[in-house]
């Protein structure tokens, strides 16, 4: 099988930490990247979850909370009320 080189850029501290972890497992950095590559090829996906946490509205915790509230509402156990901005400001005090 023909081989080729891959060059990547990493933070020097991350490279050192990654290299140390690989060594403690008994892998070279090159072998670890080969394991990662084979896992991607085999599963046709990145073998771990990638998530952007820029918007807490879509966080798992908030989605779970909203689903629970919707369930209570549909069961008639939750009543939504509306307030004016003045009422909300008064509640803050």
PDB file of N, CA and C in Angstrom:
ATOM      1  N   UNK A   1       0.846  -1.168   0.000  1.00  0.00           N
ATOM      2  CA  UNK A   1       0.000   0.000   0.000  1.00  0.00           C
ATOM      3  C   UNK A   1       0.900   1.241   0.000  1.00  0.00           C
ATOM      4  N   UNK A   2       0.674   2.129  -0.945  1.00  0.00           N
ATOM      5  CA  UNK A   2       1.454   3.361  -1.014  1.00  0.00           C
ATOM      6  C   UNK A   2       1.089   4.271   0.150  1.00  0.00           C
ATOM      7  N   UNK A   3       2.074   4.942   0.688  1.00  0.00           N
ATOM      8  CA  UNK A   3       1.826   5.849   1.808  1.00  0.00           C
ATOM      9  C   UNK A   3       2.150   7.268   1.385  1.00  0.00           C
ATOM     10  N   UNK A   4       1.566   8.210   2.104  1.00  0.00           N
ATOM     11  CA  UNK A   4       1.797   9.619   1.846  1.00  0.00           C
ATOM     12  C   UNK A   4       1.937  10.345   3.171  1.00  0.00           C
ATOM     13  N   UNK A   5       2.382  11.572   3.127  1.00  0.00           N
ATOM     14  CA  UNK A   5       2.546  12.383   4.328  1.00  0.00           C
ATOM     15  C   UNK A   5       1.363  13.324   4.488  1.00  0.00           C
ATOM     16  N   UNK A   6       1.071  13.665   5.732  1.00  0.00           N
ATOM     17  CA  UNK A   6       0.029  14.621   6.076  1.00  0.00           C
ATOM     18  C   UNK A   6       0.647  15.623   7.041  1.00  0.00           C
ATOM     19  N   UNK A   7       0.516  16.886   6.732  1.00  0.00           N
ATOM     20  CA  UNK A   7       1.043  17.924   7.606  1.00  0.00           C
ATOM     21  C   UNK A   7      -0.130  18.692   8.204  1.00  0.00           C
ATOM     22  N   UNK A   8      -0.140  18.818   9.529  1.00  0.00           N
ATOM     23  CA  UNK A   8      -1.193  19.581  10.199  1.00  0.00           C
ATOM     24  C   UNK A   8      -0.550  20.585  11.144  1.00  0.00           C
ATOM     25  N   UNK A   9      -1.303  21.598  11.484  1.00  0.00           N
ATOM     26  CA  UNK A   9      -0.829  22.599  12.446  1.00  0.00           C
ATOM     27  C   UNK A   9      -1.571  22.409  13.760  1.00  0.00           C
ATOM     28  N   UNK A  10      -0.813  22.396  14.858  1.00  0.00           N
ATOM     29  CA  UNK A  10      -1.368  22.253  16.197  1.00  0.00           C
ATOM     30  C   UNK A  10      -0.691  23.244  17.125  1.00  0.00           C
ATOM     31  N   UNK A  11      -1.395  23.627  18.149  1.00  0.00           N
ATOM     32  CA  UNK A  11      -0.790  24.385  19.229  1.00  0.00           C
ATOM     33  C   UNK A  11       0.316  23.518  19.827  1.00  0.00           C
ATOM     34  N   UNK A  12       1.461  24.100  20.114  1.00  0.00           N
ATOM     35  CA  UNK A  12       2.599  23.303  20.587  1.00  0.00           C
ATOM     36  C   UNK A  12       2.292  22.585  21.901  1.00  0.00           C
ATOM     37  N   UNK A  13       1.539  23.210  22.790  1.00  0.00           N
ATOM     38  CA  UNK A  13       1.173  22.544  24.045  1.00  0.00           C
ATOM     39  C   UNK A  13       0.238  21.363  23.780  1.00  0.00           C
ATOM     40  N   UNK A  14      -0.722  21.543  22.856  1.00  0.00           N
ATOM     41  CA  UNK A  14      -1.628  20.454  22.498  1.00  0.00           C
ATOM     42  C   UNK A  14      -0.854  19.294  21.880  1.00  0.00           C
ATOM     43  N   UNK A  15       0.115  19.607  21.034  1.00  0.00           N
ATOM     44  CA  UNK A  15       0.918  18.558  20.396  1.00  0.00           C
ATOM     45  C   UNK A  15       1.666  17.750  21.451  1.00  0.00           C
ATOM     46  N   UNK A  16       2.264  18.425  22.406  1.00  0.00           N
ATOM     47  CA  UNK A  16       3.021  17.755  23.467  1.00  0.00           C
ATOM     48  C   UNK A  16       2.095  16.880  24.308  1.00  0.00           C
ATOM     49  N   UNK A  17       0.950  17.432  24.709  1.00  0.00           N
ATOM     50  CA  UNK A  17      -0.002  16.676  25.530  1.00  0.00           C
ATOM     51  C   UNK A  17      -0.519  15.456  24.762  1.00  0.00           C
ATOM     52  N   UNK A  18      -0.884  15.661  23.492  1.00  0.00           N
ATOM     53  CA  UNK A  18      -1.379  14.562  22.659  1.00  0.00           C
ATOM     54  C   UNK A  18      -0.309  13.488  22.503  1.00  0.00           C
ATOM     55  N   UNK A  19       0.915  13.905  22.242  1.00  0.00           N
ATOM     56  CA  UNK A  19       2.016  12.970  22.079  1.00  0.00           C
ATOM     57  C   UNK A  19       2.239  12.163  23.361  1.00  0.00           C
ATOM     58  N   UNK A  20       2.176  12.837  24.510  1.00  0.00           N
ATOM     59  CA  UNK A  20       2.354  12.147  25.795  1.00  0.00           C
ATOM     60  C   UNK A  20       1.248  11.119  26.031  1.00  0.00           C
ATOM     61  N   UNK A  21       0.007  11.487  25.700  1.00  0.00           N
ATOM     62  CA  UNK A  21      -1.116  10.564  25.872  1.00  0.00           C
ATOM     63  C   UNK A  21      -0.950   9.363  24.950  1.00  0.00           C
ATOM     64  N   UNK A  22      -0.610   9.626  23.694  1.00  0.00           N
ATOM     65  CA  UNK A  22      -0.392   8.529  22.744  1.00  0.00           C
ATOM     66  C   UNK A  22       0.693   7.593  23.252  1.00  0.00           C
ATOM     67  N   UNK A  23       1.778   8.167  23.738  1.00  0.00           N
ATOM     68  CA  UNK A  23       2.890   7.357  24.241  1.00  0.00           C
ATOM     69  C   UNK A  23       2.447   6.489  25.414  1.00  0.00           C
ATOM     70  N   UNK A  24       1.621   7.070  26.313  1.00  0.00           N
ATOM     71  CA  UNK A  24       1.174   6.298  27.478  1.00  0.00           C
ATOM     72  C   UNK A  24       0.254   5.147  27.064  1.00  0.00           C
ATOM     73  N   UNK A  25      -0.410   5.283  25.917  1.00  0.00           N
ATOM     74  CA  UNK A  25      -1.271   4.218  25.392  1.00  0.00           C
ATOM     75  C   UNK A  25      -0.447   3.197  24.622  1.00  0.00           C
ATOM     76  N   UNK A  26       0.735   3.599  24.199  1.00  0.00           N
ATOM     77  CA  UNK A  26       1.579   2.716  23.413  1.00  0.00           C
ATOM     78  C   UNK A  26       1.471   2.959  21.920  1.00  0.00           C
ATOM     79  N   UNK A  27       0.998   4.146  21.550  1.00  0.00           N
ATOM     80  CA  UNK A  27       0.863   4.520  20.140  1.00  0.00           C
ATOM     81  C   UNK A  27       1.767   5.692  19.815  1.00  0.00           C
ATOM     82  N   UNK A  28       2.215   5.731  18.583  1.00  0.00           N
ATOM     83  CA  UNK A  28       2.872   6.945  18.109  1.00  0.00           C
ATOM     84  C   UNK A  28       1.771   7.917  17.686  1.00  0.00           C
ATOM     85  N   UNK A  29       2.117   9.171  17.523  1.00  0.00           N
ATOM     86  CA  UNK A  29       1.153  10.155  17.033  1.00  0.00           C
ATOM     87  C   UNK A  29       0.653   9.735  15.656  1.00  0.00           C
ATOM     88  N   UNK A  30       1.550   9.261  14.824  1.00  0.00           N
ATOM     89  CA  UNK A  30       1.177   8.809  13.487  1.00  0.00           C
ATOM     90  C   UNK A  30       0.179   7.661  13.557  1.00  0.00           C
ATOM     91  N   UNK A  31       0.417   6.701  14.442  1.00  0.00           N
ATOM     92  CA  UNK A  31      -0.497   5.562  14.584  1.00  0.00           C
ATOM     93  C   UNK A  31      -1.869   6.035  15.085  1.00  0.00           C
ATOM     94  N   UNK A  32      -1.875   6.983  16.006  1.00  0.00           N
ATOM     95  CA  UNK A  32      -3.143   7.495  16.529  1.00  0.00           C
ATOM     96  C   UNK A  32      -3.959   8.157  15.416  1.00  0.00           C
ATOM     97  N   UNK A  33      -3.305   8.933  14.569  1.00  0.00           N
ATOM     98  CA  UNK A  33      -4.022   9.554  13.445  1.00  0.00           C
ATOM     99  C   UNK A  33      -4.496   8.494  12.448  1.00  0.00           C
ATOM    100  N   UNK A  34      -3.732   7.448  12.267  1.00  0.00           N
ATOM    101  CA  UNK A  34      -4.175   6.365  11.398  1.00  0.00           C
ATOM    102  C   UNK A  34      -5.406   5.665  11.973  1.00  0.00           C
ATOM    103  N   UNK A  35      -5.446   5.456  13.284  1.00  0.00           N
ATOM    104  CA  UNK A  35      -6.620   4.864  13.928  1.00  0.00           C
ATOM    105  C   UNK A  35      -7.836   5.765  13.703  1.00  0.00           C
ATOM    106  N   UNK A  36      -7.655   7.071  13.907  1.00  0.00           N
ATOM    107  CA  UNK A  36      -8.738   8.033  13.694  1.00  0.00           C
ATOM    108  C   UNK A  36      -9.217   7.980  12.245  1.00  0.00           C
ATOM    109  N   UNK A  37      -8.285   7.988  11.304  1.00  0.00           N
ATOM    110  CA  UNK A  37      -8.629   7.970   9.881  1.00  0.00           C
ATOM    111  C   UNK A  37      -9.402   6.710   9.524  1.00  0.00           C
ATOM    112  N   UNK A  38      -8.943   5.559  10.013  1.00  0.00           N
ATOM    113  CA  UNK A  38      -9.633   4.294   9.718  1.00  0.00           C
ATOM    114  C   UNK A  38     -11.041   4.287  10.305  1.00  0.00           C
ATOM    115  N   UNK A  39     -11.204   4.875  11.512  1.00  0.00           N
ATOM    116  CA  UNK A  39     -12.536   4.939  12.127  1.00  0.00           C
ATOM    117  C   UNK A  39     -13.476   5.811  11.292  1.00  0.00           C
ATOM    118  N   UNK A  40     -12.979   6.928  10.781  1.00  0.00           N
ATOM    119  CA  UNK A  40     -13.793   7.801   9.926  1.00  0.00           C
ATOM    120  C   UNK A  40     -14.179   7.063   8.648  1.00  0.00           C
ATOM    121  N   UNK A  41     -13.233   6.388   8.043  1.00  0.00           N
ATOM    122  CA  UNK A  41     -13.504   5.656   6.802  1.00  0.00           C
ATOM    123  C   UNK A  41     -14.517   4.529   7.057  1.00  0.00           C
ATOM    124  N   UNK A  42     -14.326   3.794   8.138  1.00  0.00           N
ATOM    125  CA  UNK A  42     -15.197   2.657   8.437  1.00  0.00           C
ATOM    126  C   UNK A  42     -16.634   3.096   8.728  1.00  0.00           C
ATOM    127  N   UNK A  43     -16.805   4.168   9.529  1.00  0.00           N
ATOM    128  CA  UNK A  43     -18.148   4.595   9.957  1.00  0.00           C
ATOM    129  C   UNK A  43     -18.727   5.694   9.077  1.00  0.00           C
ATOM    130  N   UNK A  44     -17.874   6.281   8.226  1.00  0.00           N
ATOM    131  CA  UNK A  44     -18.271   7.385   7.351  1.00  0.00           C
ATOM    132  C   UNK A  44     -18.797   8.575   8.149  1.00  0.00           C
ATOM    133  N   UNK A  45     -18.217   8.802   9.315  1.00  0.00           N
ATOM    134  CA  UNK A  45     -18.546   9.954  10.156  1.00  0.00           C
ATOM    135  C   UNK A  45     -17.395  10.209  11.115  1.00  0.00           C
ATOM    136  N   UNK A  46     -17.370  11.388  11.704  1.00  0.00           N
ATOM    137  CA  UNK A  46     -16.394  11.687  12.750  1.00  0.00           C
ATOM    138  C   UNK A  46     -16.791  10.835  13.962  1.00  0.00           C
ATOM    139  N   UNK A  47     -15.873  10.098  14.566  1.00  0.00           N
ATOM    140  CA  UNK A  47     -16.248   9.129  15.603  1.00  0.00           C
ATOM    141  C   UNK A  47     -16.507   9.730  16.985  1.00  0.00           C
ATOM    142  N   UNK A  48     -16.921  10.967  17.024  1.00  0.00           N
ATOM    143  CA  UNK A  48     -17.334  11.599  18.269  1.00  0.00           C
ATOM    144  C   UNK A  48     -18.255  12.749  17.912  1.00  0.00           C
ATOM    145  N   UNK A  49     -19.037  13.187  18.885  1.00  0.00           N
ATOM    146  CA  UNK A  49     -20.020  14.236  18.638  1.00  0.00           C
ATOM    147  C   UNK A  49     -19.341  15.599  18.583  1.00  0.00           C
ATOM    148  N   UNK A  50     -19.693  16.375  17.582  1.00  0.00           N
ATOM    149  CA  UNK A  50     -19.215  17.748  17.456  1.00  0.00           C
ATOM    150  C   UNK A  50     -20.394  18.670  17.723  1.00  0.00           C
ATOM    151  N   UNK A  51     -20.168  19.667  18.544  1.00  0.00           N
ATOM    152  CA  UNK A  51     -21.272  20.528  18.929  1.00  0.00           C
ATOM    153  C   UNK A  51     -20.774  21.943  19.153  1.00  0.00           C
ATOM    154  N   UNK A  52     -21.487  22.894  18.604  1.00  0.00           N
ATOM    155  CA  UNK A  52     -21.184  24.303  18.852  1.00  0.00           C
ATOM    156  C   UNK A  52     -22.067  24.770  19.998  1.00  0.00           C
ATOM    157  N   UNK A  53     -21.464  25.308  21.008  1.00  0.00           N
ATOM    158  CA  UNK A  53     -22.215  25.753  22.178  1.00  0.00           C
ATOM    159  C   UNK A  53     -22.355  27.267  22.233  1.00  0.00           C
ATOM    160  N   UNK A  54     -22.392  27.882  21.068  1.00  0.00           N
ATOM    161  CA  UNK A  54     -22.487  29.332  21.027  1.00  0.00           C
ATOM    162  C   UNK A  54     -23.855  29.847  21.465  1.00  0.00           C
ATOM    163  N   UNK A  55     -24.885  29.038  21.300  1.00  0.00           N
ATOM    164  CA  UNK A  55     -26.242  29.477  21.593  1.00  0.00           C
ATOM    165  C   UNK A  55     -26.852  28.554  22.632  1.00  0.00           C
ATOM    166  N   UNK A  56     -26.953  29.037  23.868  1.00  0.00           N
ATOM    167  CA  UNK A  56     -27.449  28.192  24.943  1.00  0.00           C
ATOM    168  C   UNK A  56     -28.917  27.825  24.761  1.00  0.00           C
ATOM    169  N   UNK A  57     -29.644  28.543  23.903  1.00  0.00           N
ATOM    170  CA  UNK A  57     -31.051  28.199  23.665  1.00  0.00           C
ATOM    171  C   UNK A  57     -31.157  26.775  23.135  1.00  0.00           C
ATOM    172  N   UNK A  58     -30.215  26.358  22.308  1.00  0.00           N
ATOM    173  CA  UNK A  58     -30.259  25.031  21.705  1.00  0.00           C
ATOM    174  C   UNK A  58     -29.446  24.000  22.491  1.00  0.00           C
ATOM    175  N   UNK A  59     -29.064  24.324  23.714  1.00  0.00           N
ATOM    176  CA  UNK A  59     -28.323  23.356  24.529  1.00  0.00           C
ATOM    177  C   UNK A  59     -29.239  22.178  24.862  1.00  0.00           C
ATOM    178  N   UNK A  60     -28.639  21.031  25.123  1.00  0.00           N
ATOM    179  CA  UNK A  60     -29.414  19.833  25.460  1.00  0.00           C
ATOM    180  C   UNK A  60     -30.291  20.081  26.682  1.00  0.00           C
ATOM    181  N   UNK A  61     -29.747  20.780  27.664  1.00  0.00           N
ATOM    182  CA  UNK A  61     -30.495  21.031  28.891  1.00  0.00           C
ATOM    183  C   UNK A  61     -31.732  21.887  28.615  1.00  0.00           C
ATOM    184  N   UNK A  62     -31.572  22.915  27.784  1.00  0.00           N
ATOM    185  CA  UNK A  62     -32.706  23.790  27.499  1.00  0.00           C
ATOM    186  C   UNK A  62     -33.749  23.082  26.637  1.00  0.00           C
ATOM    187  N   UNK A  63     -33.307  22.297  25.671  1.00  0.00           N
ATOM    188  CA  UNK A  63     -34.252  21.550  24.836  1.00  0.00           C
ATOM    189  C   UNK A  63     -35.055  20.596  25.714  1.00  0.00           C
ATOM    190  N   UNK A  64     -34.392  19.919  26.643  1.00  0.00           N
ATOM    191  CA  UNK A  64     -35.086  19.011  27.562  1.00  0.00           C
ATOM    192  C   UNK A  64     -36.108  19.783  28.388  1.00  0.00           C
ATOM    193  N   UNK A  65     -35.715  20.928  28.915  1.00  0.00           N
ATOM    194  CA  UNK A  65     -36.627  21.756  29.713  1.00  0.00           C
ATOM    195  C   UNK A  65     -37.845  22.171  28.880  1.00  0.00           C
ATOM    196  N   UNK A  66     -37.611  22.640  27.660  1.00  0.00           N
ATOM    197  CA  UNK A  66     -38.710  23.082  26.800  1.00  0.00           C
ATOM    198  C   UNK A  66     -39.647  21.929  26.458  1.00  0.00           C
ATOM    199  N   UNK A  67     -39.079  20.743  26.207  1.00  0.00           N
ATOM    200  CA  UNK A  67     -39.921  19.577  25.924  1.00  0.00           C
ATOM    201  C   UNK A  67     -40.779  19.208  27.131  1.00  0.00           C
ATOM    202  N   UNK A  68     -40.199  19.303  28.334  1.00  0.00           N
ATOM    203  CA  UNK A  68     -40.962  19.018  29.559  1.00  0.00           C
ATOM    204  C   UNK A  68     -42.094  20.027  29.740  1.00  0.00           C
ATOM    205  N   UNK A  69     -41.794  21.298  29.478  1.00  0.00           N
ATOM    206  CA  UNK A  69     -42.818  22.334  29.612  1.00  0.00           C
ATOM    207  C   UNK A  69     -43.931  22.144  28.584  1.00  0.00           C
ATOM    208  N   UNK A  70     -43.574  21.782  27.365  1.00  0.00           N
ATOM    209  CA  UNK A  70     -44.575  21.542  26.324  1.00  0.00           C
ATOM    210  C   UNK A  70     -45.473  20.364  26.716  1.00  0.00           C
ATOM    211  N   UNK A  71     -44.873  19.306  27.278  1.00  0.00           N
ATOM    212  CA  UNK A  71     -45.657  18.146  27.720  1.00  0.00           C
ATOM    213  C   UNK A  71     -46.650  18.557  28.797  1.00  0.00           C
ATOM    214  N   UNK A  72     -46.190  19.325  29.787  1.00  0.00           N
ATOM    215  CA  UNK A  72     -47.084  19.796  30.844  1.00  0.00           C
ATOM    216  C   UNK A  72     -48.202  20.659  30.270  1.00  0.00           C
ATOM    217  N   UNK A  73     -47.880  21.499  29.321  1.00  0.00           N
ATOM    218  CA  UNK A  73     -48.881  22.367  28.694  1.00  0.00           C
ATOM    219  C   UNK A  73     -49.937  21.523  27.979  1.00  0.00           C
ATOM    220  N   UNK A  74     -49.510  20.529  27.218  1.00  0.00           N
ATOM    221  CA  UNK A  74     -50.446  19.685  26.476  1.00  0.00           C
ATOM    222  C   UNK A  74     -51.291  18.813  27.403  1.00  0.00           C
ATOM    223  N   UNK A  75     -50.765  18.528  28.586  1.00  0.00           N
ATOM    224  CA  UNK A  75     -51.522  17.760  29.580  1.00  0.00           C
ATOM    225  C   UNK A  75     -52.450  18.655  30.393  1.00  0.00           C
ATOM    226  N   UNK A  76     -52.435  19.964  30.111  1.00  0.00           N
ATOM    227  CA  UNK A  76     -53.279  20.903  30.845  1.00  0.00           C
ATOM    228  C   UNK A  76     -52.754  21.235  32.230  1.00  0.00           C
ATOM    229  N   UNK A  77     -51.505  20.914  32.502  1.00  0.00           N
ATOM    230  CA  UNK A  77     -50.913  21.137  33.824  1.00  0.00           C
ATOM    231  C   UNK A  77     -50.090  22.417  33.888  1.00  0.00           C
ATOM    232  N   UNK A  78     -50.066  23.154  32.807  1.00  0.00           N
ATOM    233  CA  UNK A  78     -49.244  24.360  32.755  1.00  0.00           C
ATOM    234  C   UNK A  78     -50.039  25.445  32.042  1.00  0.00           C
ATOM    235  N   UNK A  79     -50.046  26.610  32.626  1.00  0.00           N
ATOM    236  CA  UNK A  79     -50.771  27.721  32.028  1.00  0.00           C
ATOM    237  C   UNK A  79     -49.770  28.829  31.734  1.00  0.00           C
ATOM    238  N   UNK A  80     -49.766  29.276  30.493  1.00  0.00           N
ATOM    239  CA  UNK A  80     -48.897  30.389  30.122  1.00  0.00           C
ATOM    240  C   UNK A  80     -49.628  31.702  30.345  1.00  0.00           C
ATOM    241  N   UNK A  81     -48.922  32.650  30.883  1.00  0.00           N
ATOM    242  CA  UNK A  81     -49.480  33.985  31.083  1.00  0.00           C
ATOM    243  C   UNK A  81     -48.588  34.995  30.378  1.00  0.00           C
ATOM    244  N   UNK A  82     -49.144  36.120  30.043  1.00  0.00           N
ATOM    245  CA  UNK A  82     -48.359  37.189  29.431  1.00  0.00           C
ATOM    246  C   UNK A  82     -48.306  38.373  30.377  1.00  0.00           C
ATOM    247  N   UNK A  83     -47.212  39.109  30.292  1.00  0.00           N
ATOM    248  CA  UNK A  83     -47.020  40.293  31.116  1.00  0.00           C
ATOM    249  C   UNK A  83     -46.507  41.419  30.234  1.00  0.00           C
ATOM    250  N   UNK A  84     -46.831  42.613  30.627  1.00  0.00           N
ATOM    251  CA  UNK A  84     -46.294  43.780  29.917  1.00  0.00           C
ATOM    252  C   UNK A  84     -44.843  43.982  30.350  1.00  0.00           C
ATOM    253  N   UNK A  85     -44.114  44.778  29.595  1.00  0.00           N
ATOM    254  CA  UNK A  85     -42.726  45.076  29.980  1.00  0.00           C
ATOM    255  C   UNK A  85     -42.670  45.749  31.339  1.00  0.00           C
ATOM    256  N   UNK A  86     -43.626  46.614  31.629  1.00  0.00           N
ATOM    257  CA  UNK A  86     -43.654  47.274  32.937  1.00  0.00           C
ATOM    258  C   UNK A  86     -43.832  46.257  34.062  1.00  0.00           C
ATOM    259  N   UNK A  87     -44.712  45.265  33.836  1.00  0.00           N
ATOM    260  CA  UNK A  87     -44.919  44.234  34.848  1.00  0.00           C
ATOM    261  C   UNK A  87     -43.637  43.417  35.050  1.00  0.00           C
ATOM    262  N   UNK A  88     -42.955  43.085  33.963  1.00  0.00           N
ATOM    263  CA  UNK A  88     -41.722  42.332  34.075  1.00  0.00           C
ATOM    264  C   UNK A  88     -40.654  43.123  34.813  1.00  0.00           C
ATOM    265  N   UNK A  89     -40.554  44.403  34.518  1.00  0.00           N
ATOM    266  CA  UNK A  89     -39.578  45.246  35.228  1.00  0.00           C
ATOM    267  C   UNK A  89     -39.896  45.312  36.706  1.00  0.00           C
ATOM    268  N   UNK A  90     -41.179  45.367  37.041  1.00  0.00           N
ATOM    269  CA  UNK A  90     -41.578  45.403  38.434  1.00  0.00           C
ATOM    270  C   UNK A  90     -41.238  44.089  39.147  1.00  0.00           C
ATOM    271  N   UNK A  91     -41.335  42.981  38.442  1.00  0.00           N
ATOM    272  CA  UNK A  91     -41.010  41.676  39.019  1.00  0.00           C
ATOM    273  C   UNK A  91     -39.519  41.547  39.310  1.00  0.00           C
ATOM    274  N   UNK A  92     -38.677  42.263  38.561  1.00  0.00           N
ATOM    275  CA  UNK A  92     -37.237  42.195  38.771  1.00  0.00           C
ATOM    276  C   UNK A  92     -36.832  42.775  40.112  1.00  0.00           C
ATOM    277  N   UNK A  93     -37.621  43.695  40.636  1.00  0.00           N
ATOM    278  CA  UNK A  93     -37.260  44.395  41.881  1.00  0.00           C
ATOM    279  C   UNK A  93     -37.360  43.514  43.086  1.00  0.00           C
TER     280      UNK A  93
END
